[in-house]
Amino acid sequence: MDIDSEVDQGTQNALLGLVHRHTGISMTAKKWTLLQGRLRPRLRALALRNYRDYLALLENTPDEVRNFINLVTTNETSFFRTPRVWDYFAQHYLPRWFDAHRGAVFHLWSAAASSGEEAYSAAMLCEEFRARHPSFQYQIHATDISSQVLASAMTGQFHGRSIDGLKAARPAMLAKYFRASAGGYAVIPALRTHIMFSEHNLYRPLAAREAFDLALLRNVLIYFETADQECVIENVRQSLAPDGMLIVGESESLSRLKTGFAFEQPLIYRNHGAPHDRTA
C-alpha cells in the first residue's frame, strides 16, 4: 500500500496539531503537503503502512517525539547572517556594554541556534573584541529544539555553503578561527570553550541561572501565531538582565505585539518589563 494513499482529514489534523503541541510552530491545513514530505522518509524507515500508524506511534512512544521535532523544524542559517546586525554588535553594542559593565562576564543567548553558525559568529566577534580589551570575558549559551542540528553544532565542523559564504564574506575570520579538517573546516578549541549547547523549546521558560545581556531570537517568530509569539518573547525576556537587549530576524518586528520590550532601532529591542527573580 502507498504510504500517502487515503490520508484521512482526522489524521492530518492530529499530526498538524502535534507540530504545535511539541514545538509551538503553527501549521495550517495548507502546510499538510510540506509536513507529509518531511515525515514520509521516517514512515518508510519504520516500515509503517500509513500516517495513522505513525500518529499512534507518536502518541504511545515518547522517544519518537524527538525524531518528529527534528523532522518538522526548519534549520536555515549561515555565518554572519544579516551583516548589519553583526556590525551593530561589534561596533556599537559590545563597546557600550563593556564600558557599562567593567569586571562582569558578558552572557549571550543564541535562542534558535540551529547548526551553530550564529553562536560561532558571535564568539568570533567577542574574541576580536577581547584581543583589544583583554579583561573582557564572555559566555555564549546556544539552544535549539532540534537535537539533530545541535549535535552538528557541537562538533564545530562545517563545510559546503556555510563555509563558502564565510570564505567569501570574511576570509580573515575563516583563517583565524578555523582549521582544515576532513571534508571541511573545524572551529578552533579556543572558540568552542566559550559556547555551551543545550536543547530547549522556546515555548517554555529557559532553566538558566544567569541573566543574559543579549538574546538573539532571529528568524523564528515567523513560524508562530501572534499569541505564541508573545509567549515565546516573554519567555526570552524573563531570561534577560533588566537592561538586556533582544535582536530579532530581518523579516520580524515586535511592533504589533504586546511585549515587555521597547524599540531601539529596526530588529533591536531593549527589555523594559518587570525584572524576573531567578532565585525564586
Protein backbone atom coordinates (compact mmCIF):
# COMPACT_ATOMS: atom_id res chain seq x y z
CA MET A 1 0.00 0.00 0.00
CA ASP A 2 1.22 3.51 -0.87
CA ILE A 3 2.03 5.41 2.32
CA ASP A 4 0.36 8.56 1.00
CA SER A 5 -2.92 6.98 -0.08
CA GLU A 6 -6.11 7.80 1.83
CA VAL A 7 -4.68 10.14 4.49
CA ASP A 8 -7.91 11.00 6.27
CA GLN A 9 -8.60 14.54 7.48
CA GLY A 10 -8.58 13.48 11.12
CA THR A 11 -5.06 12.09 10.86
CA GLN A 12 -3.86 15.18 9.03
CA ASN A 13 -5.34 17.49 11.66
CA ALA A 14 -3.92 15.43 14.50
CA LEU A 15 -0.38 15.47 13.08
CA LEU A 16 -0.58 19.20 12.35
CA GLY A 17 -1.77 19.66 15.92
CA LEU A 18 1.17 17.69 17.27
CA VAL A 19 3.56 20.05 15.49
CA HIS A 20 2.10 22.90 17.51
CA ARG A 21 1.94 20.92 20.74
CA HIS A 22 5.59 19.89 20.63
CA THR A 23 7.19 22.95 19.00
CA GLY A 24 4.78 25.88 19.17
CA ILE A 25 5.01 26.14 15.38
CA SER A 26 1.68 26.70 13.66
CA MET A 27 0.99 24.67 10.53
CA THR A 28 -2.35 25.12 8.81
CA ALA A 29 -4.01 22.56 6.56
CA LYS A 30 -2.29 24.27 3.62
CA LYS A 31 1.03 23.02 5.03
CA TRP A 32 -0.01 19.36 5.02
CA THR A 33 1.91 18.58 1.84
CA LEU A 34 5.06 20.06 3.39
CA LEU A 35 4.60 18.07 6.59
CA GLN A 36 3.80 14.93 4.64
CA GLY A 37 7.03 15.23 2.67
CA ARG A 38 9.09 15.65 5.82
CA LEU A 39 7.52 12.66 7.56
CA ARG A 40 7.42 10.26 4.61
CA PRO A 41 11.08 9.06 4.88
CA ARG A 42 10.56 8.35 8.58
CA LEU A 43 7.49 6.22 7.91
CA ARG A 44 9.44 4.22 5.34
CA ALA A 45 12.38 3.79 7.70
CA LEU A 46 9.99 2.43 10.33
CA ALA A 47 8.15 0.25 7.77
CA LEU A 48 4.83 1.81 8.75
CA ARG A 49 1.84 1.38 6.48
CA ASN A 50 0.34 4.85 6.81
CA TYR A 51 0.32 8.15 8.70
CA ARG A 52 -2.34 6.87 11.08
CA ASP A 53 0.12 4.24 12.30
CA TYR A 54 2.77 6.95 12.76
CA LEU A 55 0.31 9.07 14.72
CA ALA A 56 -0.31 6.11 17.03
CA LEU A 57 3.44 5.63 17.43
CA LEU A 58 3.90 9.29 18.41
CA GLU A 59 1.13 9.14 20.96
CA ASN A 60 2.47 5.97 22.58
CA THR A 61 6.25 6.28 22.19
CA PRO A 62 7.75 9.40 23.84
CA ASP A 63 11.18 8.67 22.35
CA GLU A 64 9.78 9.14 18.84
CA VAL A 65 8.76 12.74 19.63
CA ARG A 66 12.39 13.87 19.39
CA ASN A 67 12.64 12.44 15.87
CA PHE A 68 9.35 14.12 14.99
CA ILE A 69 10.66 17.51 16.20
CA ASN A 70 13.85 17.07 14.18
CA LEU A 71 11.79 16.40 11.07
CA VAL A 72 9.29 19.25 11.34
CA THR A 73 11.59 22.11 12.31
CA THR A 74 13.27 24.36 9.73
CA ASN A 75 17.01 24.95 10.12
CA GLU A 76 18.34 27.58 7.75
CA THR A 77 21.30 29.66 8.87
CA SER A 78 24.72 30.98 7.90
CA PHE A 79 27.73 32.72 9.39
CA PHE A 80 27.17 36.45 9.96
CA ARG A 81 23.65 36.35 8.55
CA THR A 82 22.26 39.89 8.15
CA PRO A 83 25.60 41.75 8.23
CA ARG A 84 24.19 44.99 9.68
CA VAL A 85 23.22 43.13 12.84
CA TRP A 86 26.80 41.97 13.32
CA ASP A 87 28.16 45.43 12.53
CA TYR A 88 25.92 46.80 15.28
CA PHE A 89 27.02 44.07 17.67
CA ALA A 90 30.75 44.59 17.10
CA GLN A 91 30.93 48.34 16.61
CA HIS A 92 28.25 49.65 18.95
CA TYR A 93 26.80 47.08 21.33
CA LEU A 94 29.96 45.42 22.71
CA PRO A 95 31.91 48.67 23.34
CA ARG A 96 28.95 50.22 25.18
CA TRP A 97 28.26 47.08 27.19
CA PHE A 98 31.91 46.79 28.20
CA ASP A 99 32.10 50.41 29.33
CA ALA A 100 28.99 49.97 31.48
CA HIS A 101 29.84 46.55 32.97
CA ARG A 102 33.54 46.56 33.82
CA GLY A 103 34.57 43.33 35.52
CA ALA A 104 31.38 41.47 34.59
CA VAL A 105 31.04 38.46 32.30
CA PHE A 106 29.05 39.09 29.12
CA HIS A 107 26.30 36.49 28.67
CA LEU A 108 24.74 35.98 25.24
CA TRP A 109 21.90 33.62 24.38
CA SER A 110 21.59 32.29 20.83
CA ALA A 111 18.00 31.15 21.32
CA ALA A 112 17.41 29.41 17.98
CA ALA A 113 20.96 28.29 17.31
CA SER A 114 20.31 25.71 14.60
CA SER A 115 23.65 24.22 13.45
CA GLY A 116 25.69 26.80 15.36
CA GLU A 117 26.74 29.40 12.81
CA GLU A 118 25.11 32.22 14.78
CA ALA A 119 26.77 31.28 18.08
CA TYR A 120 30.19 30.87 16.47
CA SER A 121 29.77 34.20 14.63
CA ALA A 122 29.13 35.90 17.96
CA ALA A 123 32.10 34.13 19.53
CA MET A 124 34.44 35.26 16.75
CA LEU A 125 33.44 38.88 17.25
CA CYS A 126 33.78 38.51 21.03
CA GLU A 127 37.29 37.15 20.53
CA GLU A 128 38.13 40.09 18.28
CA PHE A 129 36.88 42.47 20.97
CA ARG A 130 38.79 40.61 23.68
CA ALA A 131 42.00 40.98 21.67
CA ARG A 132 41.61 44.74 22.08
CA HIS A 133 40.27 44.54 25.65
CA PRO A 134 41.99 41.61 27.44
CA SER A 135 39.82 41.93 30.56
CA PHE A 136 36.65 41.22 28.57
CA GLN A 137 35.06 37.87 29.42
CA TYR A 138 32.13 36.22 27.70
CA GLN A 139 29.98 33.11 27.66
CA ILE A 140 27.51 32.03 24.99
CA HIS A 141 24.56 29.71 25.59
CA ALA A 142 23.24 28.27 22.32
CA THR A 143 19.93 26.40 22.32
CA ASP A 144 17.64 24.80 19.78
CA ILE A 145 14.64 22.50 19.89
CA SER A 146 16.24 20.11 17.40
CA SER A 147 18.65 17.60 18.90
CA GLN A 148 19.86 16.74 15.40
CA VAL A 149 21.15 20.21 14.49
CA LEU A 150 22.56 20.72 17.99
CA ALA A 151 24.61 17.55 17.63
CA SER A 152 26.03 19.01 14.44
CA ALA A 153 26.69 22.38 16.09
CA MET A 154 28.56 20.82 18.98
CA THR A 155 31.08 19.20 16.66
CA GLY A 156 32.18 22.60 15.36
CA GLN A 157 32.62 21.05 11.92
CA PHE A 158 31.42 22.96 8.85
CA HIS A 159 31.53 22.52 5.09
CA GLY A 160 29.68 23.37 1.89
CA ARG A 161 27.64 26.57 1.54
CA SER A 162 28.23 27.56 5.15
CA ILE A 163 31.99 27.69 4.71
CA ASP A 164 31.79 29.06 1.18
CA GLY A 165 29.79 32.03 2.46
CA LEU A 166 32.24 32.72 5.27
CA LYS A 167 35.20 32.41 2.93
CA ALA A 168 33.66 34.95 0.56
CA ALA A 169 32.48 37.46 3.19
CA ARG A 170 35.10 37.22 5.93
CA PRO A 171 38.14 35.22 4.80
CA ALA A 172 40.28 36.54 7.67
CA MET A 173 37.84 35.05 10.20
CA LEU A 174 37.97 31.68 8.48
CA ALA A 175 41.76 31.70 8.51
CA LYS A 176 41.98 32.77 12.15
CA TYR A 177 39.26 30.70 13.82
CA PHE A 178 39.06 27.52 11.73
CA ARG A 179 41.40 24.70 10.78
CA ALA A 180 41.05 22.45 7.76
CA SER A 181 39.64 19.04 8.65
CA ALA A 182 38.33 16.04 6.74
CA GLY A 183 35.80 17.34 4.26
CA GLY A 184 35.64 20.86 5.63
CA TYR A 185 36.75 23.11 8.48
CA ALA A 186 36.70 22.83 12.26
CA VAL A 187 36.29 25.67 14.76
CA ILE A 188 39.40 26.08 16.92
CA PRO A 189 39.06 24.85 20.54
CA ALA A 190 39.72 28.33 21.98
CA LEU A 191 36.43 29.47 20.46
CA ARG A 192 34.40 26.40 21.37
CA THR A 193 35.26 26.64 25.08
CA HIS A 194 33.09 29.77 25.34
CA ILE A 195 29.93 28.13 23.99
CA MET A 196 27.53 25.79 25.77
CA PHE A 197 24.89 23.98 23.70
CA SER A 198 21.63 22.53 25.02
CA GLU A 199 18.17 21.53 23.84
CA HIS A 200 15.40 23.98 24.59
CA ASN A 201 11.82 24.56 23.47
CA LEU A 202 11.16 28.31 23.24
CA TYR A 203 7.56 27.62 24.17
CA ARG A 204 8.82 27.04 27.70
CA PRO A 205 10.97 29.19 30.05
CA LEU A 206 14.71 28.52 29.95
CA ALA A 207 16.11 26.91 33.09
CA ALA A 208 19.24 29.04 33.34
CA ARG A 209 20.54 30.80 36.43
CA GLU A 210 22.40 33.56 34.62
CA ALA A 211 20.60 36.62 33.28
CA PHE A 212 21.55 37.22 29.66
CA ASP A 213 22.76 40.59 28.46
CA LEU A 214 21.74 39.90 24.89
CA ALA A 215 19.41 37.38 23.28
CA LEU A 216 19.41 36.57 19.57
CA LEU A 217 15.95 35.32 18.56
CA ARG A 218 16.24 35.55 14.81
CA ASN A 219 14.11 34.12 12.03
CA VAL A 220 11.97 32.00 14.32
CA LEU A 221 9.00 34.18 15.30
CA ILE A 222 7.71 33.95 11.72
CA TYR A 223 6.72 30.33 12.42
CA PHE A 224 4.42 31.24 15.35
CA GLU A 225 0.94 32.75 15.59
CA THR A 226 0.56 36.05 17.48
CA ALA A 227 -0.32 34.57 20.88
CA ASP A 228 2.53 32.08 20.62
CA GLN A 229 4.94 34.82 19.54
CA GLU A 230 4.07 36.79 22.65
CA CYS A 231 4.53 33.69 24.82
CA VAL A 232 7.96 32.99 23.31
CA ILE A 233 9.07 36.61 23.58
CA GLU A 234 8.07 36.78 27.23
CA ASN A 235 9.91 33.53 27.98
CA VAL A 236 13.02 35.06 26.41
CA ARG A 237 12.55 38.36 28.23
CA GLN A 238 12.34 36.58 31.58
CA SER A 239 15.87 35.31 30.99
CA LEU A 240 17.32 38.75 30.25
CA ALA A 241 19.00 41.21 32.57
CA PRO A 242 16.91 44.31 33.38
CA ASP A 243 18.84 46.28 30.74
CA GLY A 244 19.13 43.29 28.40
CA MET A 245 18.70 43.54 24.64
CA LEU A 246 16.88 41.40 22.08
CA ILE A 247 17.68 41.10 18.38
CA VAL A 248 15.13 39.52 16.02
CA GLY A 249 15.27 38.45 12.37
CA GLU A 250 15.28 40.72 9.35
CA SER A 251 11.64 39.95 8.47
CA GLU A 252 10.40 40.22 12.06
CA SER A 253 9.11 43.02 14.26
CA LEU A 254 7.56 43.37 17.72
CA SER A 255 5.60 46.50 16.78
CA ARG A 256 2.16 44.84 16.80
CA LEU A 257 2.80 42.57 19.77
CA LYS A 258 2.25 43.07 23.48
CA THR A 259 5.71 42.65 24.98
CA GLY A 260 7.97 43.98 27.69
CA PHE A 261 10.38 45.41 25.13
CA ALA A 262 11.00 48.94 23.92
CA PHE A 263 12.06 49.70 20.35
CA GLU A 264 15.69 50.78 19.94
CA GLN A 265 16.14 50.51 16.18
CA PRO A 266 14.95 48.09 13.49
CA LEU A 267 15.39 44.48 14.71
CA ILE A 268 16.76 45.64 18.10
CA TYR A 269 14.77 45.99 21.33
CA ARG A 270 15.52 46.77 24.98
CA ASN A 271 13.98 44.98 27.96
CA HIS A 272 11.80 47.36 29.95
CA GLY A 273 9.44 44.95 31.64
CA ALA A 274 9.39 43.86 35.26
CA PRO A 275 12.60 42.05 36.26
CA HIS A 276 12.42 38.33 36.86
CA ASP A 277 13.59 36.86 40.17
CA ARG A 278 15.77 33.95 39.10
CA THR A 279 16.26 32.79 42.68
CA ALA A 280 12.57 32.11 43.18
